[in-house]
Amino acid sequence: MPIIEVHLLEGRTAEQKRELAGKMTETVCQTLGTRPEQVRIIFSEMRREDYAIAGRLVCDRD
């Protein structure tokens, strides 16, 4: 059973996550030969102040 964890900055819509989940599931099934019912996807949203790139918080980079 593939389990995929996706970390995103907050602000994506349910529709965007729905589309991403569908496409990721399709790709995993084609690549690994699994059924869609076996694929699990976990979305974790991060606030901009909880994520840093090159030592700078993302909220400070905008």
C-alpha atoms as a PDB file:
ATOM      1  CA  MET A   1       0.000   0.000   0.000  1.00  0.00           C
ATOM      2  CA  PRO A   2       1.740   3.195  -1.151  1.00  0.00           C
ATOM      3  CA  ILE A   3       1.486   6.071   1.310  1.00  0.00           C
ATOM      4  CA  ILE A   4       2.402   9.480  -0.087  1.00  0.00           C
ATOM      5  CA  GLU A   5       2.942  12.498   2.133  1.00  0.00           C
ATOM      6  CA  VAL A   6       2.671  15.910   0.471  1.00  0.00           C
ATOM      7  CA  HIS A   7       3.824  19.061   2.271  1.00  0.00           C
ATOM      8  CA  LEU A   8       2.341  22.293   0.908  1.00  0.00           C
ATOM      9  CA  LEU A   9       2.329  25.888   1.960  1.00  0.00           C
ATOM     10  CA  GLU A  10      -1.186  26.730   3.105  1.00  0.00           C
ATOM     11  CA  GLY A  11      -3.563  28.345   0.669  1.00  0.00           C
ATOM     12  CA  ARG A  12      -4.297  25.595  -1.843  1.00  0.00           C
ATOM     13  CA  THR A  13      -7.967  24.959  -2.485  1.00  0.00           C
ATOM     14  CA  ALA A  14      -9.727  21.648  -1.961  1.00  0.00           C
ATOM     15  CA  GLU A  15     -10.176  21.459  -5.730  1.00  0.00           C
ATOM     16  CA  GLN A  16      -6.414  21.798  -6.307  1.00  0.00           C
ATOM     17  CA  LYS A  17      -5.696  19.072  -3.745  1.00  0.00           C
ATOM     18  CA  ARG A  18      -8.435  16.898  -5.256  1.00  0.00           C
ATOM     19  CA  GLU A  19      -6.873  17.216  -8.711  1.00  0.00           C
ATOM     20  CA  LEU A  20      -3.367  16.554  -7.387  1.00  0.00           C
ATOM     21  CA  ALA A  21      -4.558  13.496  -5.458  1.00  0.00           C
ATOM     22  CA  GLY A  22      -6.218  12.097  -8.567  1.00  0.00           C
ATOM     23  CA  LYS A  23      -3.180  12.588 -10.776  1.00  0.00           C
ATOM     24  CA  MET A  24      -0.766  11.254  -8.166  1.00  0.00           C
ATOM     25  CA  THR A  25      -2.946   8.187  -7.625  1.00  0.00           C
ATOM     26  CA  GLU A  26      -3.113   7.543 -11.369  1.00  0.00           C
ATOM     27  CA  THR A  27       0.666   7.839 -11.732  1.00  0.00           C
ATOM     28  CA  VAL A  28       1.400   5.602  -8.737  1.00  0.00           C
ATOM     29  CA  CYS A  29      -1.000   2.937 -10.019  1.00  0.00           C
ATOM     30  CA  GLN A  30       0.554   2.974 -13.497  1.00  0.00           C
ATOM     31  CA  THR A  31       4.097   2.908 -12.133  1.00  0.00           C
ATOM     32  CA  LEU A  32       3.705   0.404  -9.295  1.00  0.00           C
ATOM     33  CA  GLY A  33       0.851  -1.679 -10.656  1.00  0.00           C
ATOM     34  CA  THR A  34      -1.392  -1.004  -7.667  1.00  0.00           C
ATOM     35  CA  ARG A  35      -5.112  -0.323  -7.457  1.00  0.00           C
ATOM     36  CA  PRO A  36      -6.411   3.162  -6.562  1.00  0.00           C
ATOM     37  CA  GLU A  37      -7.955   1.753  -3.374  1.00  0.00           C
ATOM     38  CA  GLN A  38      -4.459   0.921  -2.140  1.00  0.00           C
ATOM     39  CA  VAL A  39      -3.042   4.449  -2.506  1.00  0.00           C
ATOM     40  CA  ARG A  40      -3.059   6.781   0.496  1.00  0.00           C
ATOM     41  CA  ILE A  41      -2.175  10.476   0.248  1.00  0.00           C
ATOM     42  CA  ILE A  42      -1.658  12.713   3.264  1.00  0.00           C
ATOM     43  CA  PHE A  43      -1.664  16.478   2.760  1.00  0.00           C
ATOM     44  CA  SER A  44       0.156  18.523   5.401  1.00  0.00           C
ATOM     45  CA  GLU A  45      -0.215  22.282   5.150  1.00  0.00           C
ATOM     46  CA  MET A  46       2.441  24.583   6.548  1.00  0.00           C
ATOM     47  CA  ARG A  47       2.086  28.220   7.435  1.00  0.00           C
ATOM     48  CA  ARG A  48       4.568  30.554   5.743  1.00  0.00           C
ATOM     49  CA  GLU A  49       6.079  31.414   9.120  1.00  0.00           C
ATOM     50  CA  ASP A  50       6.739  27.709   9.818  1.00  0.00           C
ATOM     51  CA  TYR A  51       8.940  27.062   6.772  1.00  0.00           C
ATOM     52  CA  ALA A  52      12.356  28.443   5.823  1.00  0.00           C
ATOM     53  CA  ILE A  53      14.439  28.431   2.644  1.00  0.00           C
ATOM     54  CA  ALA A  54      18.139  29.286   2.786  1.00  0.00           C
ATOM     55  CA  GLY A  55      17.780  30.418   6.390  1.00  0.00           C
ATOM     56  CA  ARG A  56      14.900  32.830   5.760  1.00  0.00           C
ATOM     57  CA  LEU A  57      11.280  32.277   6.699  1.00  0.00           C
ATOM     58  CA  VAL A  58       9.063  32.069   3.647  1.00  0.00           C
ATOM     59  CA  CYS A  59       6.841  34.828   5.064  1.00  0.00           C
ATOM     60  CA  ASP A  60       9.891  37.135   4.999  1.00  0.00           C
ATOM     61  CA  ARG A  61      10.740  36.267   1.397  1.00  0.00           C
ATOM     62  CA  ASP A  62       7.409  37.420  -0.081  1.00  0.00           C
END
